[in-house]
């Protein structure tokens, strides 16, 4: 496995019905998660999450991809170079 990277995964979920699936995915990768913050933005009917993760790039990309495959869930990653 490659060198670990520090990253932030930003997630916008347009449908709260996907919350159990999102939480399940985050639980699977929990050993790599440093912290997370979730904000239900009720005025817009969405949830916004920031997940700080310290893991190999392959793991970060896999988690981001799995989150983004959920209908109405958008995920992007910002990775550090260190």
N, C-alpha and C. Protein backbone atom coordinates (compact mmCIF):
# COMPACT_ATOMS: atom_id res chain seq x y z
N UNK A 1 0.85 -1.18 0.00
CA UNK A 1 0.00 0.00 0.00
C UNK A 1 0.89 1.24 0.00
N UNK A 2 0.41 2.30 -0.62
CA UNK A 2 1.22 3.50 -0.77
C UNK A 2 1.24 4.34 0.51
N UNK A 3 2.01 5.40 0.44
CA UNK A 3 2.17 6.32 1.56
C UNK A 3 0.84 7.00 1.90
N UNK A 4 0.63 7.25 3.18
CA UNK A 4 -0.61 7.89 3.62
C UNK A 4 -0.60 9.37 3.26
N UNK A 5 -1.81 9.88 2.98
CA UNK A 5 -2.02 11.29 2.65
C UNK A 5 -3.11 11.84 3.57
N UNK A 6 -3.03 13.11 3.84
CA UNK A 6 -4.07 13.79 4.60
C UNK A 6 -5.02 14.44 3.61
N UNK A 7 -6.32 14.26 3.81
CA UNK A 7 -7.30 14.80 2.87
C UNK A 7 -8.57 15.21 3.59
N UNK A 8 -9.35 16.03 2.89
CA UNK A 8 -10.69 16.40 3.34
C UNK A 8 -11.65 15.97 2.23
N UNK A 9 -12.63 15.18 2.59
CA UNK A 9 -13.67 14.81 1.64
C UNK A 9 -14.89 15.66 1.97
N UNK A 10 -15.34 16.43 0.98
CA UNK A 10 -16.53 17.26 1.15
C UNK A 10 -17.71 16.55 0.50
N UNK A 11 -18.81 16.49 1.21
CA UNK A 11 -19.98 15.75 0.74
C UNK A 11 -21.23 16.62 0.87
N UNK A 12 -22.02 16.65 -0.19
CA UNK A 12 -23.34 17.27 -0.13
C UNK A 12 -24.35 16.19 -0.49
N UNK A 13 -25.27 15.95 0.43
CA UNK A 13 -26.31 14.94 0.22
C UNK A 13 -27.65 15.67 0.05
N UNK A 14 -28.22 15.53 -1.14
CA UNK A 14 -29.48 16.21 -1.43
C UNK A 14 -30.67 15.50 -0.82
N UNK A 15 -30.46 14.26 -0.37
CA UNK A 15 -31.56 13.48 0.18
C UNK A 15 -31.10 12.81 1.46
N UNK A 16 -31.76 13.13 2.55
CA UNK A 16 -31.36 12.57 3.85
C UNK A 16 -31.62 11.07 3.95
N UNK A 17 -32.35 10.51 3.01
CA UNK A 17 -32.60 9.07 3.01
C UNK A 17 -31.30 8.29 2.86
N UNK A 18 -30.27 8.92 2.32
CA UNK A 18 -28.99 8.24 2.13
C UNK A 18 -28.09 8.30 3.36
N UNK A 19 -28.55 8.95 4.41
CA UNK A 19 -27.73 9.07 5.62
C UNK A 19 -27.25 7.72 6.16
N UNK A 20 -28.10 6.69 6.23
CA UNK A 20 -27.60 5.40 6.72
C UNK A 20 -26.50 4.82 5.84
N UNK A 21 -26.62 4.98 4.52
CA UNK A 21 -25.60 4.45 3.61
C UNK A 21 -24.30 5.22 3.75
N UNK A 22 -24.40 6.54 3.88
CA UNK A 22 -23.21 7.37 4.07
C UNK A 22 -22.52 6.98 5.37
N UNK A 23 -23.29 6.88 6.45
CA UNK A 23 -22.71 6.52 7.75
C UNK A 23 -22.10 5.13 7.72
N UNK A 24 -22.71 4.22 7.00
CA UNK A 24 -22.17 2.86 6.89
C UNK A 24 -20.82 2.88 6.18
N UNK A 25 -20.71 3.63 5.08
CA UNK A 25 -19.44 3.74 4.37
C UNK A 25 -18.37 4.37 5.25
N UNK A 26 -18.73 5.43 5.96
CA UNK A 26 -17.77 6.09 6.84
C UNK A 26 -17.33 5.15 7.96
N UNK A 27 -18.22 4.31 8.42
CA UNK A 27 -17.88 3.34 9.46
C UNK A 27 -16.89 2.30 8.94
N UNK A 28 -17.08 1.85 7.71
CA UNK A 28 -16.17 0.87 7.10
C UNK A 28 -14.75 1.41 7.05
N UNK A 29 -14.61 2.71 6.76
CA UNK A 29 -13.30 3.34 6.65
C UNK A 29 -12.91 4.11 7.91
N UNK A 30 -13.61 3.82 9.00
CA UNK A 30 -13.43 4.55 10.26
C UNK A 30 -12.01 4.57 10.80
N UNK A 31 -11.23 3.52 10.54
CA UNK A 31 -9.87 3.48 11.06
C UNK A 31 -8.99 4.59 10.47
N UNK A 32 -9.40 5.15 9.34
CA UNK A 32 -8.62 6.19 8.67
C UNK A 32 -9.15 7.60 8.96
N UNK A 33 -10.37 7.68 9.49
CA UNK A 33 -11.01 8.99 9.67
C UNK A 33 -10.50 9.67 10.93
N UNK A 34 -10.00 10.89 10.76
CA UNK A 34 -9.49 11.70 11.87
C UNK A 34 -10.65 12.41 12.56
N UNK A 35 -11.59 12.90 11.77
CA UNK A 35 -12.75 13.59 12.32
C UNK A 35 -13.74 13.91 11.22
N UNK A 36 -14.96 14.22 11.65
CA UNK A 36 -15.98 14.57 10.67
C UNK A 36 -16.93 15.58 11.26
N UNK A 37 -17.52 16.37 10.39
CA UNK A 37 -18.50 17.36 10.81
C UNK A 37 -19.66 17.29 9.83
N UNK A 38 -20.86 17.16 10.35
CA UNK A 38 -22.04 17.13 9.51
C UNK A 38 -22.97 18.27 9.87
N UNK A 39 -23.48 18.95 8.86
CA UNK A 39 -24.37 20.08 9.08
C UNK A 39 -25.65 19.85 8.28
N UNK A 40 -26.78 19.68 8.95
CA UNK A 40 -28.04 19.61 8.21
C UNK A 40 -28.48 21.04 7.85
N UNK A 41 -28.51 21.34 6.59
CA UNK A 41 -28.91 22.68 6.14
C UNK A 41 -30.39 22.61 5.76
N UNK A 42 -31.22 22.77 6.76
CA UNK A 42 -32.66 22.55 6.61
C UNK A 42 -33.30 23.50 5.61
N UNK A 43 -32.84 24.75 5.54
CA UNK A 43 -33.41 25.71 4.60
C UNK A 43 -33.32 25.24 3.15
N UNK A 44 -32.26 24.47 2.86
CA UNK A 44 -32.06 23.95 1.51
C UNK A 44 -32.44 22.48 1.38
N UNK A 45 -32.70 21.84 2.50
CA UNK A 45 -33.06 20.44 2.48
C UNK A 45 -31.91 19.51 2.13
N UNK A 46 -30.70 19.90 2.48
CA UNK A 46 -29.52 19.08 2.20
C UNK A 46 -28.70 18.90 3.48
N UNK A 47 -27.78 17.95 3.42
CA UNK A 47 -26.79 17.77 4.49
C UNK A 47 -25.41 17.99 3.90
N UNK A 48 -24.56 18.68 4.65
CA UNK A 48 -23.20 18.96 4.22
C UNK A 48 -22.25 18.31 5.22
N UNK A 49 -21.29 17.52 4.71
CA UNK A 49 -20.33 16.85 5.58
C UNK A 49 -18.91 17.19 5.14
N UNK A 50 -18.03 17.29 6.13
CA UNK A 50 -16.59 17.38 5.89
C UNK A 50 -15.95 16.23 6.66
N UNK A 51 -15.16 15.44 5.97
CA UNK A 51 -14.52 14.28 6.58
C UNK A 51 -13.01 14.43 6.41
N UNK A 52 -12.28 14.49 7.53
CA UNK A 52 -10.82 14.54 7.49
C UNK A 52 -10.32 13.11 7.58
N UNK A 53 -9.48 12.73 6.63
CA UNK A 53 -9.03 11.34 6.54
C UNK A 53 -7.51 11.29 6.31
N UNK A 54 -6.86 10.34 6.96
CA UNK A 54 -5.42 10.13 6.83
C UNK A 54 -5.24 8.69 6.36
N UNK A 55 -5.03 8.51 5.06
CA UNK A 55 -5.03 7.17 4.48
C UNK A 55 -4.25 7.17 3.17
N UNK A 56 -3.94 5.99 2.65
CA UNK A 56 -3.34 5.93 1.32
C UNK A 56 -4.31 6.52 0.28
N UNK A 57 -3.77 7.11 -0.76
CA UNK A 57 -4.58 7.77 -1.79
C UNK A 57 -5.63 6.83 -2.37
N UNK A 58 -5.30 5.54 -2.51
CA UNK A 58 -6.25 4.59 -3.07
C UNK A 58 -7.49 4.46 -2.19
N UNK A 59 -7.29 4.47 -0.89
CA UNK A 59 -8.40 4.36 0.06
C UNK A 59 -9.26 5.63 -0.02
N UNK A 60 -8.61 6.78 -0.03
CA UNK A 60 -9.33 8.06 -0.10
C UNK A 60 -10.17 8.11 -1.38
N UNK A 61 -9.57 7.75 -2.49
CA UNK A 61 -10.28 7.78 -3.77
C UNK A 61 -11.43 6.78 -3.81
N UNK A 62 -11.22 5.62 -3.23
CA UNK A 62 -12.28 4.60 -3.19
C UNK A 62 -13.46 5.09 -2.37
N UNK A 63 -13.20 5.64 -1.19
CA UNK A 63 -14.29 6.15 -0.35
C UNK A 63 -15.03 7.28 -1.06
N UNK A 64 -14.29 8.21 -1.64
CA UNK A 64 -14.92 9.33 -2.35
C UNK A 64 -15.79 8.81 -3.49
N UNK A 65 -15.28 7.84 -4.23
CA UNK A 65 -16.03 7.27 -5.35
C UNK A 65 -17.30 6.57 -4.89
N UNK A 66 -17.22 5.81 -3.82
CA UNK A 66 -18.39 5.10 -3.31
C UNK A 66 -19.45 6.08 -2.81
N UNK A 67 -19.01 7.14 -2.15
CA UNK A 67 -19.96 8.16 -1.70
C UNK A 67 -20.64 8.82 -2.89
N UNK A 68 -19.85 9.16 -3.90
CA UNK A 68 -20.37 9.84 -5.08
C UNK A 68 -21.27 8.98 -5.94
N UNK A 69 -21.23 7.66 -5.77
CA UNK A 69 -22.10 6.77 -6.54
C UNK A 69 -23.52 6.72 -5.98
N UNK A 70 -23.71 7.21 -4.78
CA UNK A 70 -25.06 7.24 -4.21
C UNK A 70 -25.85 8.34 -4.91
N UNK A 71 -27.09 8.03 -5.27
CA UNK A 71 -27.94 8.98 -5.98
C UNK A 71 -28.17 10.24 -5.15
N UNK A 72 -27.88 11.40 -5.73
CA UNK A 72 -28.09 12.67 -5.03
C UNK A 72 -27.02 13.00 -4.01
N UNK A 73 -25.91 12.27 -4.05
CA UNK A 73 -24.79 12.54 -3.14
C UNK A 73 -23.59 12.95 -3.98
N UNK A 74 -23.00 14.08 -3.65
CA UNK A 74 -21.85 14.61 -4.38
C UNK A 74 -20.66 14.67 -3.45
N UNK A 75 -19.52 14.16 -3.90
CA UNK A 75 -18.32 14.10 -3.05
C UNK A 75 -17.10 14.52 -3.85
N UNK A 76 -16.28 15.35 -3.23
CA UNK A 76 -15.01 15.81 -3.81
C UNK A 76 -13.94 15.75 -2.73
N UNK A 77 -12.70 15.57 -3.18
CA UNK A 77 -11.59 15.44 -2.24
C UNK A 77 -10.53 16.49 -2.50
N UNK A 78 -9.98 17.00 -1.41
CA UNK A 78 -8.81 17.87 -1.45
C UNK A 78 -7.71 17.14 -0.68
N UNK A 79 -6.61 16.79 -1.37
CA UNK A 79 -5.52 16.04 -0.74
C UNK A 79 -4.30 16.93 -0.55
N UNK A 80 -3.64 16.73 0.59
CA UNK A 80 -2.39 17.44 0.83
C UNK A 80 -1.28 16.76 0.02
N UNK A 81 -0.17 17.45 -0.11
CA UNK A 81 0.97 16.87 -0.80
C UNK A 81 1.92 16.19 0.15
N UNK A 82 1.66 16.29 1.45
CA UNK A 82 2.53 15.67 2.45
C UNK A 82 1.88 14.45 3.06
